[in-house]
PDB file of N, CA and C in Angstrom:
ATOM      1  N   MET A   1      87.247 122.540 122.109  1.00  0.00           N
ATOM      2  CA  MET A   1      86.947 121.140 122.236  1.00  0.00           C
ATOM      3  C   MET A   1      86.266 120.603 120.974  1.00  0.00           C
ATOM      4  N   ARG A   2      85.293 121.351 120.452  1.00  0.00           N
ATOM      5  CA  ARG A   2      84.609 120.916 119.233  1.00  0.00           C
ATOM      6  C   ARG A   2      85.562 120.855 118.047  1.00  0.00           C
ATOM      7  N   ARG A   3      86.471 121.782 117.993  1.00  0.00           N
ATOM      8  CA  ARG A   3      87.410 121.812 116.883  1.00  0.00           C
ATOM      9  C   ARG A   3      88.292 120.565 116.898  1.00  0.00           C
ATOM     10  N   ASN A   4      88.777 120.161 118.069  1.00  0.00           N
ATOM     11  CA  ASN A   4      89.610 118.961 118.177  1.00  0.00           C
ATOM     12  C   ASN A   4      88.825 117.711 117.795  1.00  0.00           C
ATOM     13  N   THR A   5      87.581 117.639 118.213  1.00  0.00           N
ATOM     14  CA  THR A   5      86.736 116.503 117.863  1.00  0.00           C
ATOM     15  C   THR A   5      86.520 116.440 116.356  1.00  0.00           C
ATOM     16  N   PHE A   6      86.255 117.580 115.752  1.00  0.00           N
ATOM     17  CA  PHE A   6      86.064 117.653 114.309  1.00  0.00           C
ATOM     18  C   PHE A   6      87.331 117.227 113.576  1.00  0.00           C
ATOM     19  N   LEU A   7      88.493 117.709 114.012  1.00  0.00           N
ATOM     20  CA  LEU A   7      89.751 117.345 113.367  1.00  0.00           C
ATOM     21  C   LEU A   7      90.045 115.856 113.499  1.00  0.00           C
ATOM     22  N   ALA A   8      89.778 115.280 114.663  1.00  0.00           N
ATOM     23  CA  ALA A   8      89.998 113.848 114.860  1.00  0.00           C
ATOM     24  C   ALA A   8      89.082 113.035 113.958  1.00  0.00           C
ATOM     25  N   ALA A   9      87.814 113.436 113.850  1.00  0.00           N
ATOM     26  CA  ALA A   9      86.870 112.739 112.987  1.00  0.00           C
ATOM     27  C   ALA A   9      87.286 112.858 111.523  1.00  0.00           C
ATOM     28  N   ALA A  10      87.706 114.028 111.105  1.00  0.00           N
ATOM     29  CA  ALA A  10      88.139 114.243 109.724  1.00  0.00           C
ATOM     30  C   ALA A  10      89.374 113.397 109.404  1.00  0.00           C
ATOM     31  N   LEU A  11      90.298 113.299 110.341  1.00  0.00           N
ATOM     32  CA  LEU A  11      91.496 112.485 110.147  1.00  0.00           C
ATOM     33  C   LEU A  11      91.132 111.006 110.024  1.00  0.00           C
ATOM     34  N   LEU A  12      90.256 110.527 110.883  1.00  0.00           N
ATOM     35  CA  LEU A  12      89.823 109.132 110.831  1.00  0.00           C
ATOM     36  C   LEU A  12      89.135 108.805 109.506  1.00  0.00           C
ATOM     37  N   ILE A  13      88.244 109.671 109.072  1.00  0.00           N
ATOM     38  CA  ILE A  13      87.549 109.467 107.797  1.00  0.00           C
ATOM     39  C   ILE A  13      88.549 109.495 106.639  1.00  0.00           C
ATOM     40  N   GLY A  14      89.502 110.406 106.685  1.00  0.00           N
ATOM     41  CA  GLY A  14      90.519 110.491 105.643  1.00  0.00           C
ATOM     42  C   GLY A  14      91.355 109.231 105.536  1.00  0.00           C
ATOM     43  N   VAL A  15      91.745 108.656 106.670  1.00  0.00           N
ATOM     44  CA  VAL A  15      92.525 107.422 106.672  1.00  0.00           C
ATOM     45  C   VAL A  15      91.700 106.271 106.105  1.00  0.00           C
ATOM     46  N   MET A  16      90.450 106.173 106.515  1.00  0.00           N
ATOM     47  CA  MET A  16      89.599 105.094 106.027  1.00  0.00           C
ATOM     48  C   MET A  16      89.351 105.195 104.525  1.00  0.00           C
ATOM     49  N   LEU A  17      89.152 106.385 104.018  1.00  0.00           N
ATOM     50  CA  LEU A  17      88.881 106.560 102.592  1.00  0.00           C
ATOM     51  C   LEU A  17      90.127 106.447 101.731  1.00  0.00           C
ATOM     52  N   SER A  18      91.305 106.646 102.326  1.00  0.00           N
ATOM     53  CA  SER A  18      92.528 106.599 101.540  1.00  0.00           C
ATOM     54  C   SER A  18      92.963 105.181 101.213  1.00  0.00           C
ATOM     55  N   GLY A  19      92.381 104.195 101.887  1.00  0.00           N
ATOM     56  CA  GLY A  19      92.780 102.815 101.646  1.00  0.00           C
ATOM     57  C   GLY A  19      93.791 102.325 102.655  1.00  0.00           C
ATOM     58  N   CYS A  20      94.274 103.182 103.539  1.00  0.00           N
ATOM     59  CA  CYS A  20      95.244 102.759 104.542  1.00  0.00           C
ATOM     60  C   CYS A  20      94.632 101.770 105.521  1.00  0.00           C
ATOM     61  N   ALA A  21      93.354 101.823 105.722  1.00  0.00           N
ATOM     62  CA  ALA A  21      92.689 100.904 106.638  1.00  0.00           C
ATOM     63  C   ALA A  21      92.148  99.690 105.898  1.00  0.00           C
ATOM     64  N   MET A  22      92.500  99.537 104.647  1.00  0.00           N
ATOM     65  CA  MET A  22      92.001  98.441 103.823  1.00  0.00           C
ATOM     66  C   MET A  22      93.162  97.553 103.393  1.00  0.00           C
ATOM     67  N   ALA A  23      92.913  96.726 102.407  1.00  0.00           N
ATOM     68  CA  ALA A  23      93.915  95.816 101.880  1.00  0.00           C
ATOM     69  C   ALA A  23      94.996  96.580 101.107  1.00  0.00           C
ATOM     70  N   PRO A  24      96.178  95.964 100.927  1.00  0.00           N
ATOM     71  CA  PRO A  24      97.280  96.647 100.236  1.00  0.00           C
ATOM     72  C   PRO A  24      97.012  96.977  98.774  1.00  0.00           C
ATOM     73  N   VAL A  25      96.300  96.124  98.053  1.00  0.00           N
ATOM     74  CA  VAL A  25      95.962  96.375  96.662  1.00  0.00           C
ATOM     75  C   VAL A  25      94.461  96.604  96.618  1.00  0.00           C
ATOM     76  N   VAL A  26      94.043  97.800  96.246  1.00  0.00           N
ATOM     77  CA  VAL A  26      92.625  98.136  96.342  1.00  0.00           C
ATOM     78  C   VAL A  26      92.040  98.427  94.964  1.00  0.00           C
ATOM     79  N   PRO A  27      91.248  97.482  94.412  1.00  0.00           N
ATOM     80  CA  PRO A  27      90.543  97.779  93.166  1.00  0.00           C
ATOM     81  C   PRO A  27      89.377  98.712  93.458  1.00  0.00           C
ATOM     82  N   PRO A  28      88.756  99.285  92.446  1.00  0.00           N
ATOM     83  CA  PRO A  28      87.586 100.143  92.675  1.00  0.00           C
ATOM     84  C   PRO A  28      86.516  99.362  93.428  1.00  0.00           C
ATOM     85  N   ARG A  29      85.842 100.029  94.343  1.00  0.00           N
ATOM     86  CA  ARG A  29      84.862  99.352  95.185  1.00  0.00           C
ATOM     87  C   ARG A  29      83.477  99.938  95.004  1.00  0.00           C
ATOM     88  N   GLY A  30      82.476  99.076  95.142  1.00  0.00           N
ATOM     89  CA  GLY A  30      81.092  99.518  95.143  1.00  0.00           C
ATOM     90  C   GLY A  30      80.671  99.897  96.551  1.00  0.00           C
ATOM     91  N   ILE A  31      79.891 100.934  96.690  1.00  0.00           N
ATOM     92  CA  ILE A  31      79.444 101.384  98.006  1.00  0.00           C
ATOM     93  C   ILE A  31      78.279 100.531  98.503  1.00  0.00           C
ATOM     94  N   LEU A  32      77.328 100.210  97.641  1.00  0.00           N
ATOM     95  CA  LEU A  32      76.164  99.432  98.059  1.00  0.00           C
ATOM     96  C   LEU A  32      76.495  97.955  98.205  1.00  0.00           C
ATOM     97  N   TYR A  33      77.212  97.406  97.221  1.00  0.00           N
ATOM     98  CA  TYR A  33      77.559  95.989  97.217  1.00  0.00           C
ATOM     99  C   TYR A  33      78.931  95.840  96.587  1.00  0.00           C
ATOM    100  N   ASN A  34      79.754  94.976  97.157  1.00  0.00           N
ATOM    101  CA  ASN A  34      81.088  94.763  96.629  1.00  0.00           C
ATOM    102  C   ASN A  34      81.477  93.295  96.824  1.00  0.00           C
ATOM    103  N   ASP A  35      81.989  92.665  95.777  1.00  0.00           N
ATOM    104  CA  ASP A  35      82.508  91.310  95.865  1.00  0.00           C
ATOM    105  C   ASP A  35      83.606  91.182  94.824  1.00  0.00           C
ATOM    106  N   GLN A  36      84.859  91.397  95.237  1.00  0.00           N
ATOM    107  CA  GLN A  36      85.976  91.433  94.293  1.00  0.00           C
ATOM    108  C   GLN A  36      87.149  90.622  94.788  1.00  0.00           C
ATOM    109  N   LYS A  37      87.914  90.087  93.838  1.00  0.00           N
ATOM    110  CA  LYS A  37      89.171  89.414  94.129  1.00  0.00           C
ATOM    111  C   LYS A  37      90.299  90.230  93.500  1.00  0.00           C
ATOM    112  N   ALA A  38      91.454  90.205  94.151  1.00  0.00           N
ATOM    113  CA  ALA A  38      92.614  90.911  93.612  1.00  0.00           C
ATOM    114  C   ALA A  38      93.883  90.162  94.034  1.00  0.00           C
ATOM    115  N   PRO A  39      94.956  90.312  93.273  1.00  0.00           N
ATOM    116  CA  PRO A  39      96.202  89.610  93.587  1.00  0.00           C
ATOM    117  C   PRO A  39      97.019  90.325  94.658  1.00  0.00           C
ATOM    118  N   LEU A  40      97.786  89.544  95.404  1.00  0.00           N
ATOM    119  CA  LEU A  40      98.772  90.094  96.330  1.00  0.00           C
ATOM    120  C   LEU A  40     100.175  89.651  95.938  1.00  0.00           C
ATOM    121  N   PHE A  41     100.303  88.385  95.539  1.00  0.00           N
ATOM    122  CA  PHE A  41     101.595  87.814  95.187  1.00  0.00           C
ATOM    123  C   PHE A  41     101.347  86.594  94.312  1.00  0.00           C
ATOM    124  N   GLY A  42     102.203  86.369  93.354  1.00  0.00           N
ATOM    125  CA  GLY A  42     102.044  85.141  92.585  1.00  0.00           C
ATOM    126  C   GLY A  42     102.993  85.027  91.432  1.00  0.00           C
ATOM    127  N   GLY A  43     103.271  83.804  91.114  1.00  0.00           N
ATOM    128  CA  GLY A  43     104.078  83.491  89.956  1.00  0.00           C
ATOM    129  C   GLY A  43     103.215  82.808  88.914  1.00  0.00           C
ATOM    130  N   LYS A  44     103.854  82.130  87.984  1.00  0.00           N
ATOM    131  CA  LYS A  44     103.112  81.444  86.929  1.00  0.00           C
ATOM    132  C   LYS A  44     102.478  80.153  87.430  1.00  0.00           C
ATOM    133  N   GLU A  45     103.108  79.501  88.406  1.00  0.00           N
ATOM    134  CA  GLU A  45     102.556  78.274  88.965  1.00  0.00           C
ATOM    135  C   GLU A  45     101.520  78.629  90.030  1.00  0.00           C
ATOM    136  N   ILE A  46     100.400  77.896  90.017  1.00  0.00           N
ATOM    137  CA  ILE A  46      99.373  78.200  91.010  1.00  0.00           C
ATOM    138  C   ILE A  46      99.208  77.110  92.055  1.00  0.00           C
ATOM    139  N   GLY A  47      99.729  75.931  91.829  1.00  0.00           N
ATOM    140  CA  GLY A  47      99.618  74.852  92.790  1.00  0.00           C
ATOM    141  C   GLY A  47      98.321  74.078  92.642  1.00  0.00           C
ATOM    142  N   SER A  48      98.246  72.961  93.354  1.00  0.00           N
ATOM    143  CA  SER A  48      97.098  72.068  93.223  1.00  0.00           C
ATOM    144  C   SER A  48      96.073  72.227  94.341  1.00  0.00           C
ATOM    145  N   LYS A  49      96.398  72.990  95.388  1.00  0.00           N
ATOM    146  CA  LYS A  49      95.497  73.169  96.530  1.00  0.00           C
ATOM    147  C   LYS A  49      95.158  74.636  96.727  1.00  0.00           C
ATOM    148  N   GLU A  50      93.976  74.877  97.317  1.00  0.00           N
ATOM    149  CA  GLU A  50      93.568  76.248  97.627  1.00  0.00           C
ATOM    150  C   GLU A  50      93.033  76.299  99.053  1.00  0.00           C
ATOM    151  N   GLY A  51      93.568  77.226  99.839  1.00  0.00           N
ATOM    152  CA  GLY A  51      93.110  77.417 101.205  1.00  0.00           C
ATOM    153  C   GLY A  51      92.599  78.833 101.393  1.00  0.00           C
ATOM    154  N   ARG A  52      91.636  78.987 102.302  1.00  0.00           N
ATOM    155  CA  ARG A  52      91.031  80.297 102.560  1.00  0.00           C
ATOM    156  C   ARG A  52      90.962  80.554 104.051  1.00  0.00           C
ATOM    157  N   ALA A  53      91.099  81.818 104.414  1.00  0.00           N
ATOM    158  CA  ALA A  53      90.944  82.248 105.801  1.00  0.00           C
ATOM    159  C   ALA A  53      90.332  83.645 105.779  1.00  0.00           C
ATOM    160  N   SER A  54      89.358  83.898 106.670  1.00  0.00           N
ATOM    161  CA  SER A  54      88.599  85.159 106.603  1.00  0.00           C
ATOM    162  C   SER A  54      88.539  85.891 107.938  1.00  0.00           C
ATOM    163  N   THR A  55      88.380  87.204 107.816  1.00  0.00           N
ATOM    164  CA  THR A  55      88.041  88.065 108.945  1.00  0.00           C
ATOM    165  C   THR A  55      86.764  88.812 108.580  1.00  0.00           C
ATOM    166  N   TYR A  56      86.037  89.250 109.599  1.00  0.00           N
ATOM    167  CA  TYR A  56      84.734  89.865 109.394  1.00  0.00           C
ATOM    168  C   TYR A  56      84.599  91.119 110.247  1.00  0.00           C
ATOM    169  N   THR A  57      83.710  92.014 109.820  1.00  0.00           N
ATOM    170  CA  THR A  57      83.348  93.164 110.632  1.00  0.00           C
ATOM    171  C   THR A  57      81.852  93.416 110.461  1.00  0.00           C
ATOM    172  N   LEU A  58      81.240  93.897 111.520  1.00  0.00           N
ATOM    173  CA  LEU A  58      79.808  94.129 111.532  1.00  0.00           C
ATOM    174  C   LEU A  58      79.531  95.525 112.073  1.00  0.00           C
ATOM    175  N   LEU A  59      78.829  96.322 111.276  1.00  0.00           N
ATOM    176  CA  LEU A  59      78.404  97.675 111.660  1.00  0.00           C
ATOM    177  C   LEU A  59      79.560  98.596 112.051  1.00  0.00           C
ATOM    178  N   PHE A  60      80.761  98.322 111.544  1.00  0.00           N
ATOM    179  CA  PHE A  60      81.955  99.096 111.880  1.00  0.00           C
ATOM    180  C   PHE A  60      82.254  99.076 113.376  1.00  0.00           C
ATOM    181  N   LEU A  61      81.613  98.181 114.122  1.00  0.00           N
ATOM    182  CA  LEU A  61      81.758  98.162 115.575  1.00  0.00           C
ATOM    183  C   LEU A  61      82.581  96.985 116.080  1.00  0.00           C
ATOM    184  N   VAL A  62      82.412  95.819 115.490  1.00  0.00           N
ATOM    185  CA  VAL A  62      83.141  94.634 115.949  1.00  0.00           C
ATOM    186  C   VAL A  62      83.788  93.941 114.759  1.00  0.00           C
ATOM    187  N   GLY A  63      84.919  93.357 115.007  1.00  0.00           N
ATOM    188  CA  GLY A  63      85.625  92.601 113.983  1.00  0.00           C
ATOM    189  C   GLY A  63      86.196  91.338 114.598  1.00  0.00           C
ATOM    190  N   TRP A  64      86.259  90.244 113.812  1.00  0.00           N
ATOM    191  CA  TRP A  64      86.771  88.986 114.324  1.00  0.00           C
ATOM    192  C   TRP A  64      87.302  88.147 113.174  1.00  0.00           C
ATOM    193  N   GLY A  65      88.083  87.124 113.514  1.00  0.00           N
ATOM    194  CA  GLY A  65      88.583  86.188 112.522  1.00  0.00           C
ATOM    195  C   GLY A  65      90.093  86.204 112.395  1.00  0.00           C
ATOM    196  N   ASP A  66      90.596  85.328 111.554  1.00  0.00           N
ATOM    197  CA  ASP A  66      92.027  85.194 111.283  1.00  0.00           C
ATOM    198  C   ASP A  66      92.197  85.030 109.780  1.00  0.00           C
ATOM    199  N   SER A  67      92.641  86.061 109.106  1.00  0.00           N
ATOM    200  CA  SER A  67      92.841  85.991 107.659  1.00  0.00           C
ATOM    201  C   SER A  67      94.328  85.945 107.301  1.00  0.00           C
ATOM    202  N   SER A  68      95.130  85.373 108.194  1.00  0.00           N
ATOM    203  CA  SER A  68      96.565  85.290 107.945  1.00  0.00           C
ATOM    204  C   SER A  68      96.873  84.259 106.858  1.00  0.00           C
ATOM    205  N   VAL A  69      98.030  84.411 106.243  1.00  0.00           N
ATOM    206  CA  VAL A  69      98.484  83.459 105.233  1.00  0.00           C
ATOM    207  C   VAL A  69      98.655  82.083 105.876  1.00  0.00           C
ATOM    208  N   THR A  70      99.135  82.050 107.106  1.00  0.00           N
ATOM    209  CA  THR A  70      99.326  80.792 107.825  1.00  0.00           C
ATOM    210  C   THR A  70      98.005  80.048 107.989  1.00  0.00           C
ATOM    211  N   ALA A  71      96.947  80.768 108.378  1.00  0.00           N
ATOM    212  CA  ALA A  71      95.629  80.146 108.559  1.00  0.00           C
ATOM    213  C   ALA A  71      95.083  79.631 107.233  1.00  0.00           C
ATOM    214  N   ALA A  72      95.266  80.379 106.162  1.00  0.00           N
ATOM    215  CA  ALA A  72      94.778  79.950 104.847  1.00  0.00           C
ATOM    216  C   ALA A  72      95.549  78.735 104.347  1.00  0.00           C
ATOM    217  N   ALA A  73      96.860  78.721 104.533  1.00  0.00           N
ATOM    218  CA  ALA A  73      97.670  77.572 104.114  1.00  0.00           C
ATOM    219  C   ALA A  73      97.313  76.339 104.934  1.00  0.00           C
ATOM    220  N   ARG A  74      97.111  76.517 106.220  1.00  0.00           N
ATOM    221  CA  ARG A  74      96.731  75.400 107.098  1.00  0.00           C
ATOM    222  C   ARG A  74      95.376  74.818 106.690  1.00  0.00           C
ATOM    223  N   ASP A  75      94.462  75.679 106.212  1.00  0.00           N
ATOM    224  CA  ASP A  75      93.134  75.250 105.788  1.00  0.00           C
ATOM    225  C   ASP A  75      93.192  74.166 104.716  1.00  0.00           C
ATOM    226  N   ALA A  76      94.184  74.241 103.834  1.00  0.00           N
ATOM    227  CA  ALA A  76      94.290  73.285 102.724  1.00  0.00           C
ATOM    228  C   ALA A  76      95.507  72.375 102.836  1.00  0.00           C
ATOM    229  N   GLY A  77      96.255  72.490 103.926  1.00  0.00           N
ATOM    230  CA  GLY A  77      97.450  71.663 104.068  1.00  0.00           C
ATOM    231  C   GLY A  77      98.560  72.054 103.112  1.00  0.00           C
ATOM    232  N   ILE A  78      98.708  73.344 102.862  1.00  0.00           N
ATOM    233  CA  ILE A  78      99.722  73.853 101.927  1.00  0.00           C
ATOM    234  C   ILE A  78     101.016  74.140 102.690  1.00  0.00           C
ATOM    235  N   SER A  79     102.132  73.636 102.190  1.00  0.00           N
ATOM    236  CA  SER A  79     103.431  73.926 102.808  1.00  0.00           C
ATOM    237  C   SER A  79     104.279  74.844 101.936  1.00  0.00           C
ATOM    238  N   GLU A  80     103.954  74.916 100.641  1.00  0.00           N
ATOM    239  CA  GLU A  80     104.681  75.799  99.718  1.00  0.00           C
ATOM    240  C   GLU A  80     103.673  76.715  99.017  1.00  0.00           C
ATOM    241  N   VAL A  81     103.673  77.998  99.414  1.00  0.00           N
ATOM    242  CA  VAL A  81     102.748  78.974  98.837  1.00  0.00           C
ATOM    243  C   VAL A  81     103.282  79.434  97.486  1.00  0.00           C
ATOM    244  N   LYS A  82     102.422  79.358  96.475  1.00  0.00           N
ATOM    245  CA  LYS A  82     102.820  79.777  95.125  1.00  0.00           C
ATOM    246  C   LYS A  82     102.043  80.992  94.638  1.00  0.00           C
ATOM    247  N   GLN A  83     100.874  81.212  95.195  1.00  0.00           N
ATOM    248  CA  GLN A  83     100.061  82.354  94.774  1.00  0.00           C
ATOM    249  C   GLN A  83      99.225  82.827  95.959  1.00  0.00           C
ATOM    250  N   LEU A  84      99.082  84.145  96.063  1.00  0.00           N
ATOM    251  CA  LEU A  84      98.352  84.742  97.177  1.00  0.00           C
ATOM    252  C   LEU A  84      97.418  85.816  96.634  1.00  0.00           C
ATOM    253  N   ASN A  85      96.129  85.676  96.918  1.00  0.00           N
ATOM    254  CA  ASN A  85      95.110  86.637  96.486  1.00  0.00           C
ATOM    255  C   ASN A  85      94.248  87.016  97.686  1.00  0.00           C
ATOM    256  N   TYR A  86      93.394  87.991  97.488  1.00  0.00           N
ATOM    257  CA  TYR A  86      92.427  88.301  98.529  1.00  0.00           C
ATOM    258  C   TYR A  86      91.081  88.593  97.895  1.00  0.00           C
ATOM    259  N   GLN A  87      90.047  88.495  98.705  1.00  0.00           N
ATOM    260  CA  GLN A  87      88.689  88.794  98.260  1.00  0.00           C
ATOM    261  C   GLN A  87      88.038  89.699  99.297  1.00  0.00           C
ATOM    262  N   MET A  88      87.405  90.770  98.814  1.00  0.00           N
ATOM    263  CA  MET A  88      86.655  91.690  99.671  1.00  0.00           C
ATOM    264  C   MET A  88      85.179  91.572  99.333  1.00  0.00           C
ATOM    265  N   PHE A  89      84.368  91.356 100.359  1.00  0.00           N
ATOM    266  CA  PHE A  89      82.930  91.286 100.195  1.00  0.00           C
ATOM    267  C   PHE A  89      82.315  92.275 101.175  1.00  0.00           C
ATOM    268  N   SER A  90      81.365  93.080 100.701  1.00  0.00           N
ATOM    269  CA  SER A  90      80.768  94.101 101.560  1.00  0.00           C
ATOM    270  C   SER A  90      79.340  94.400 101.111  1.00  0.00           C
ATOM    271  N   ILE A  91      78.475  94.585 102.085  1.00  0.00           N
ATOM    272  CA  ILE A  91      77.108  95.033 101.825  1.00  0.00           C
ATOM    273  C   ILE A  91      76.904  96.324 102.605  1.00  0.00           C
ATOM    274  N   LEU A  92      76.795  97.421 101.867  1.00  0.00           N
ATOM    275  CA  LEU A  92      76.622  98.759 102.437  1.00  0.00           C
ATOM    276  C   LEU A  92      77.717  99.135 103.423  1.00  0.00           C
ATOM    277  N   GLY A  93      78.808  98.405 103.428  1.00  0.00           N
ATOM    278  CA  GLY A  93      79.863  98.657 104.396  1.00  0.00           C
ATOM    279  C   GLY A  93      79.475  98.237 105.811  1.00  0.00           C
ATOM    280  N   LEU A  94      78.264  97.772 105.994  1.00  0.00           N
ATOM    281  CA  LEU A  94      77.788  97.381 107.325  1.00  0.00           C
ATOM    282  C   LEU A  94      78.258  95.980 107.691  1.00  0.00           C
ATOM    283  N   TYR A  95      78.327  95.095 106.701  1.00  0.00           N
ATOM    284  CA  TYR A  95      78.899  93.765 106.881  1.00  0.00           C
ATOM    285  C   TYR A  95      80.023  93.637 105.871  1.00  0.00           C
ATOM    286  N   GLN A  96      81.213  93.262 106.347  1.00  0.00           N
ATOM    287  CA  GLN A  96      82.347  93.102 105.451  1.00  0.00           C
ATOM    288  C   GLN A  96      83.083  91.808 105.769  1.00  0.00           C
ATOM    289  N   ARG A  97      83.608  91.184 104.711  1.00  0.00           N
ATOM    290  CA  ARG A  97      84.431  89.981 104.867  1.00  0.00           C
ATOM    291  C   ARG A  97      85.693  90.164 104.026  1.00  0.00           C
ATOM    292  N   TYR A  98      86.843  89.929 104.635  1.00  0.00           N
ATOM    293  CA  TYR A  98      88.128  89.944 103.943  1.00  0.00           C
ATOM    294  C   TYR A  98      88.657  88.518 103.982  1.00  0.00           C
ATOM    295  N   THR A  99      88.940  87.926 102.808  1.00  0.00           N
ATOM    296  CA  THR A  99      89.402  86.552 102.732  1.00  0.00           C
ATOM    297  C   THR A  99      90.761  86.504 102.057  1.00  0.00           C
ATOM    298  N   THR A 100      91.715  85.841 102.707  1.00  0.00           N
ATOM    299  CA  THR A 100      93.006  85.557 102.112  1.00  0.00           C
ATOM    300  C   THR A 100      92.906  84.219 101.401  1.00  0.00           C
ATOM    301  N   ILE A 101      93.335  84.183 100.137  1.00  0.00           N
ATOM    302  CA  ILE A 101      93.259  82.961  99.332  1.00  0.00           C
ATOM    303  C   ILE A 101      94.681  82.556  98.956  1.00  0.00           C
ATOM    304  N   VAL A 102      95.074  81.381  99.389  1.00  0.00           N
ATOM    305  CA  VAL A 102      96.421  80.866  99.147  1.00  0.00           C
ATOM    306  C   VAL A 102      96.336  79.660  98.239  1.00  0.00           C
ATOM    307  N   ARG A 103      97.191  79.617  97.217  1.00  0.00           N
ATOM    308  CA  ARG A 103      97.298  78.437  96.345  1.00  0.00           C
ATOM    309  C   ARG A 103      98.718  77.933  96.424  1.00  0.00           C
ATOM    310  N   GLY A 104      98.858  76.636  96.383  1.00  0.00           N
ATOM    311  CA  GLY A 104     100.186  76.036  96.447  1.00  0.00           C
ATOM    312  C   GLY A 104     100.110  74.541  96.592  1.00  0.00           C
ATOM    313  N   ASP A 105     101.206  73.961  97.071  1.00  0.00           N
ATOM    314  CA  ASP A 105     101.291  72.501  97.246  1.00  0.00           C
ATOM    315  C   ASP A 105     101.730  72.171  98.672  1.00  0.00           C
TER     316      ASP A 105
END
């Protein structure tokens, strides 16, 4: 029983550290404090509007929010997405915010 518990915990930690449980493009992260932006999609045109949508997690126990591209585009009234970025903010990993940033017209 202990062996199975240990293997399950090791697998979970491995997935979390590999980036599979994080954003698709992962820049180097700070453990104590992190506030970074990175690209997901984009061309040369960036558009005249910017919309944001965020999800949050607290103490690795609860998570909430809507960080979909649709929510971010709706935030700024964007109908044509031209650039898509994300921002990761974290303090000790205990509080985290993931924000989708959409630019377009």
